[in-house]
Protein backbone atom coordinates (compact mmCIF):
# COMPACT_ATOMS: atom_id res chain seq x y z
CA UNK A 1 1.57 -20.88 -36.31
CA UNK A 2 2.68 -20.86 -32.66
CA UNK A 3 1.15 -23.61 -30.57
CA UNK A 4 -0.90 -23.00 -27.41
CA UNK A 5 1.09 -24.10 -24.36
CA UNK A 6 -1.10 -25.96 -21.88
CA UNK A 7 -0.58 -26.82 -18.22
CA UNK A 8 -2.78 -29.51 -16.63
CA UNK A 9 -3.35 -29.49 -12.87
CA UNK A 10 -5.38 -32.46 -11.63
CA UNK A 11 -4.66 -34.82 -8.73
CA UNK A 12 -6.16 -37.86 -10.51
CA UNK A 13 -3.29 -39.50 -12.38
CA UNK A 14 -5.37 -41.51 -14.85
CA UNK A 15 -7.45 -38.51 -15.93
CA UNK A 16 -4.40 -36.27 -16.09
CA UNK A 17 -2.33 -38.67 -18.18
CA UNK A 18 -5.22 -39.55 -20.49
CA UNK A 19 -6.06 -35.91 -21.09
CA UNK A 20 -2.38 -35.15 -21.66
CA UNK A 21 -2.15 -37.81 -24.38
CA UNK A 22 -5.32 -36.51 -26.04
CA UNK A 23 -4.07 -32.93 -26.15
CA UNK A 24 -0.54 -33.89 -27.20
CA UNK A 25 -2.04 -35.53 -30.29
CA UNK A 26 -3.40 -32.18 -31.44
CA UNK A 27 -0.80 -30.23 -33.49
CA UNK A 28 -2.04 -26.86 -32.24
CA UNK A 29 -1.24 -27.67 -28.59
CA UNK A 30 1.99 -28.10 -26.66
CA UNK A 31 2.03 -29.61 -23.15
CA UNK A 32 4.00 -27.42 -20.75
CA UNK A 33 3.38 -29.75 -17.83
CA UNK A 34 1.15 -32.40 -16.22
CA UNK A 35 0.88 -31.65 -12.50
CA UNK A 36 -0.73 -33.34 -9.55
CA UNK A 37 -0.20 -30.56 -7.01
CA UNK A 38 -0.48 -26.75 -6.95
CA UNK A 39 3.15 -26.44 -5.81
CA UNK A 40 4.37 -28.31 -8.87
CA UNK A 41 2.15 -26.25 -11.19
CA UNK A 42 3.29 -22.96 -9.69
CA UNK A 43 6.90 -23.98 -10.18
CA UNK A 44 6.25 -24.59 -13.88
CA UNK A 45 4.43 -21.26 -14.22
CA UNK A 46 7.45 -19.50 -12.75
CA UNK A 47 9.93 -21.33 -14.98
CA UNK A 48 8.23 -21.35 -18.38
CA UNK A 49 5.61 -19.73 -20.56
CA UNK A 50 2.05 -21.11 -20.24
CA UNK A 51 -0.89 -19.83 -22.27
CA UNK A 52 -3.70 -21.78 -20.62
CA UNK A 53 -4.12 -23.79 -17.41
CA UNK A 54 -6.61 -26.66 -17.25
CA UNK A 55 -7.49 -26.70 -13.56
CA UNK A 56 -9.47 -29.17 -11.48
CA UNK A 57 -11.39 -27.62 -8.59
CA UNK A 58 -10.95 -30.48 -6.10
CA UNK A 59 -7.24 -31.15 -5.65
CA UNK A 60 -7.42 -33.62 -2.80
CA UNK A 61 -6.30 -31.81 0.35
CA UNK A 62 -6.67 -28.46 -1.43
CA UNK A 63 -9.09 -26.65 -3.70
CA UNK A 64 -8.34 -24.44 -6.68
CA UNK A 65 -8.95 -21.19 -4.78
CA UNK A 66 -5.49 -20.85 -3.27
CA UNK A 67 -3.83 -21.89 -6.52
CA UNK A 68 -5.72 -19.16 -8.37
CA UNK A 69 -4.58 -16.55 -5.84
CA UNK A 70 -0.98 -17.81 -5.83
CA UNK A 71 -0.78 -17.94 -9.64
CA UNK A 72 -2.09 -14.39 -9.97
CA UNK A 73 0.16 -13.17 -7.17
CA UNK A 74 3.11 -14.78 -8.92
CA UNK A 75 2.45 -12.83 -12.10
CA UNK A 76 0.56 -15.39 -14.23
CA UNK A 77 -1.64 -13.54 -16.71
CA UNK A 78 -2.64 -16.43 -18.96
CA UNK A 79 -6.05 -18.03 -19.20
CA UNK A 80 -7.60 -20.66 -16.91
CA UNK A 81 -10.26 -23.21 -17.78
CA UNK A 82 -11.75 -25.17 -14.88
CA UNK A 83 -12.24 -28.84 -15.81
CA UNK A 84 -14.09 -30.32 -12.87
CA UNK A 85 -16.54 -32.98 -11.72
CA UNK A 86 -18.67 -30.27 -10.14
CA UNK A 87 -18.68 -27.05 -8.10
CA UNK A 88 -21.15 -25.33 -5.81
CA UNK A 89 -22.73 -22.03 -6.85
CA UNK A 90 -20.59 -20.22 -4.28
CA UNK A 91 -17.37 -21.87 -5.49
CA UNK A 92 -18.29 -21.05 -9.08
CA UNK A 93 -18.89 -17.40 -8.19
CA UNK A 94 -15.56 -17.14 -6.40
CA UNK A 95 -13.77 -18.81 -9.32
CA UNK A 96 -15.26 -16.36 -11.83
CA UNK A 97 -14.26 -13.46 -9.60
CA UNK A 98 -10.72 -14.88 -9.46
CA UNK A 99 -10.37 -14.42 -13.21
CA UNK A 100 -11.04 -17.81 -14.80
CA UNK A 101 -12.19 -17.93 -18.42
CA UNK A 102 -14.49 -20.92 -18.24
CA UNK A 103 -15.86 -24.00 -16.49
CA UNK A 104 -16.29 -27.39 -18.16
CA UNK A 105 -17.59 -30.58 -16.54
CA UNK A 106 -15.39 -33.67 -16.72
CA UNK A 107 -18.15 -35.84 -18.16
CA UNK A 108 -18.11 -33.73 -21.33
CA UNK A 109 -16.99 -35.40 -24.54
CA UNK A 110 -13.40 -35.04 -25.83
CA UNK A 111 -14.73 -33.02 -28.76
CA UNK A 112 -16.46 -30.57 -26.41
CA UNK A 113 -13.31 -30.32 -24.30
CA UNK A 114 -11.26 -29.39 -27.36
CA UNK A 115 -13.93 -26.87 -28.35
CA UNK A 116 -13.77 -25.26 -24.90
CA UNK A 117 -9.98 -25.07 -24.91
CA UNK A 118 -9.91 -23.49 -28.35
CA UNK A 119 -12.58 -20.97 -27.35
CA UNK A 120 -10.76 -19.94 -24.18
CA UNK A 121 -7.38 -19.83 -25.94
CA UNK A 122 -8.93 -17.45 -28.50
CA UNK A 123 -9.98 -15.09 -25.71
CA UNK A 124 -13.59 -16.16 -25.30
CA UNK A 125 -15.48 -17.22 -22.17
CA UNK A 126 -16.75 -20.80 -21.90
CA UNK A 127 -19.85 -21.33 -19.73
CA UNK A 128 -21.08 -24.86 -19.10
CA UNK A 129 -24.79 -24.47 -18.40
CA UNK A 130 -24.59 -27.15 -15.67
CA UNK A 131 -21.49 -25.79 -13.96
CA UNK A 132 -21.63 -22.18 -13.01
CA UNK A 133 -23.65 -20.34 -15.62
CA UNK A 134 -25.92 -18.77 -12.95
CA UNK A 135 -22.87 -17.51 -11.08
CA UNK A 136 -21.32 -16.13 -14.26
CA UNK A 137 -24.52 -14.36 -15.25
CA UNK A 138 -24.91 -12.96 -11.74
CA UNK A 139 -21.37 -11.59 -11.84
CA UNK A 140 -21.99 -10.04 -15.26
CA UNK A 141 -25.13 -8.31 -14.03
CA UNK A 142 -23.37 -7.07 -10.93
CA UNK A 143 -20.42 -5.79 -12.95
CA UNK A 144 -22.79 -3.80 -15.12
CA UNK A 145 -24.23 -2.04 -12.05
CA UNK A 146 -20.98 -1.55 -10.16
CA UNK A 147 -20.22 1.96 -11.46
CA UNK A 148 -18.88 4.31 -8.82
CA UNK A 149 -17.38 1.58 -6.60
CA UNK A 150 -13.61 1.78 -6.82
CA UNK A 151 -11.27 -0.46 -4.84
CA UNK A 152 -7.56 0.21 -4.54
CA UNK A 153 -5.06 -2.53 -5.42
CA UNK A 154 -4.47 -3.20 -1.69
CA UNK A 155 -8.21 -3.39 -1.01
CA UNK A 156 -8.58 -5.87 -3.86
CA UNK A 157 -5.75 -8.01 -2.42
CA UNK A 158 -7.29 -8.07 1.04
CA UNK A 159 -10.80 -8.71 -0.28
CA UNK A 160 -9.56 -11.58 -2.41
CA UNK A 161 -7.86 -13.11 0.64
CA UNK A 162 -10.99 -12.70 2.75
CA UNK A 163 -12.97 -14.52 0.06
CA UNK A 164 -10.44 -17.37 0.34
CA UNK A 165 -11.14 -17.60 4.07
CA UNK A 166 -7.71 -16.41 5.24
CA UNK A 167 -7.21 -14.89 8.70
CA UNK A 168 -5.72 -11.43 9.21
CA UNK A 169 -2.40 -13.05 10.11
CA UNK A 170 -2.41 -15.18 6.95
CA UNK A 171 -3.38 -12.20 4.80
CA UNK A 172 -0.57 -10.10 6.28
CA UNK A 173 1.97 -12.84 5.54
CA UNK A 174 0.65 -13.46 2.01
CA UNK A 175 0.78 -9.82 0.86
CA UNK A 176 3.75 -8.75 2.98
CA UNK A 177 2.24 -6.17 5.31
CA UNK A 178 1.54 -5.88 9.05
CA UNK A 179 -1.64 -7.18 10.65
CA UNK A 180 -2.54 -3.63 11.65
CA UNK A 181 -2.34 -2.63 7.99
CA UNK A 182 -4.69 -5.50 7.10
CA UNK A 183 -7.14 -4.36 9.79
CA UNK A 184 -7.02 -0.80 8.46
CA UNK A 185 -7.70 -1.98 4.91
CA UNK A 186 -10.59 -4.13 6.13
CA UNK A 187 -12.08 -1.09 7.83
CA UNK A 188 -11.80 0.81 4.55
CA UNK A 189 -13.68 -2.02 2.84
CA UNK A 190 -16.33 -1.97 5.56
CA UNK A 191 -16.76 1.78 5.14
CA UNK A 192 -16.99 1.58 1.33
CA UNK A 193 -19.48 -1.29 1.31
CA UNK A 194 -21.49 -0.23 4.38
CA UNK A 195 -21.02 -3.52 6.25
CA UNK A 196 -19.78 -4.30 9.76
CA UNK A 197 -18.49 -7.88 9.66
CA UNK A 198 -16.32 -10.13 7.47
CA UNK A 199 -19.25 -12.41 6.73
CA UNK A 200 -21.29 -9.44 5.49
CA UNK A 201 -18.32 -8.33 3.39
CA UNK A 202 -18.05 -11.78 1.79
CA UNK A 203 -21.75 -11.85 1.02
CA UNK A 204 -21.85 -8.40 -0.57
CA UNK A 205 -18.64 -9.10 -2.51
CA UNK A 206 -20.21 -12.19 -4.05
CA UNK A 207 -23.53 -10.47 -4.71
CA UNK A 208 -21.99 -7.34 -6.26
CA UNK A 209 -18.73 -8.71 -7.70
CA UNK A 210 -16.68 -6.00 -6.03
CA UNK A 211 -13.32 -7.34 -7.19
CA UNK A 212 -12.10 -5.49 -10.23
CA UNK A 213 -11.73 -7.76 -13.29
CA UNK A 214 -8.15 -8.75 -14.05
CA UNK A 215 -6.43 -7.91 -17.28
């Protein structure tokens, strides 16, 4: 049977190395890389096949949000399991909307960690009741009532960038368009959602899970 290739992204060396040794001892897993920075992890994703990323939310000077956007933008379509010390409800909601498959708290037992990895690798969703279950349930309810709201691929790109807190200039650079094009797309989003400001757009996006789910 083919083994599940795992990539670990965590800025704490001791946790990263210890978890790597644990997973390497399991015959069903293969370690594609142990990374301490998003840049290093993205390089591995571009160079080799990875089935599942184990991702910490707090990466020192960065958070997981930009890594999630960069990985998706770079073509990664594998699964992502957040393994974190904790996340706010807002951060959990944004992570679920970014396409993760689960959240697990770091204080969980090794046996529970292995259970979560196997579940996510098999295509299931893992919800830790203490780390984001309300956000996941809220997104599920919103998705069920979202019929009729259709966002184009460009609108989804811009909305995702707005949720990450990027400016119009940063969004334009990230997706390769002009700032005027970004402004036009934002106006389309305002018109579709019935809001007038970016902050209102962020709030309604979180409440109604406007981003289309990723394949």
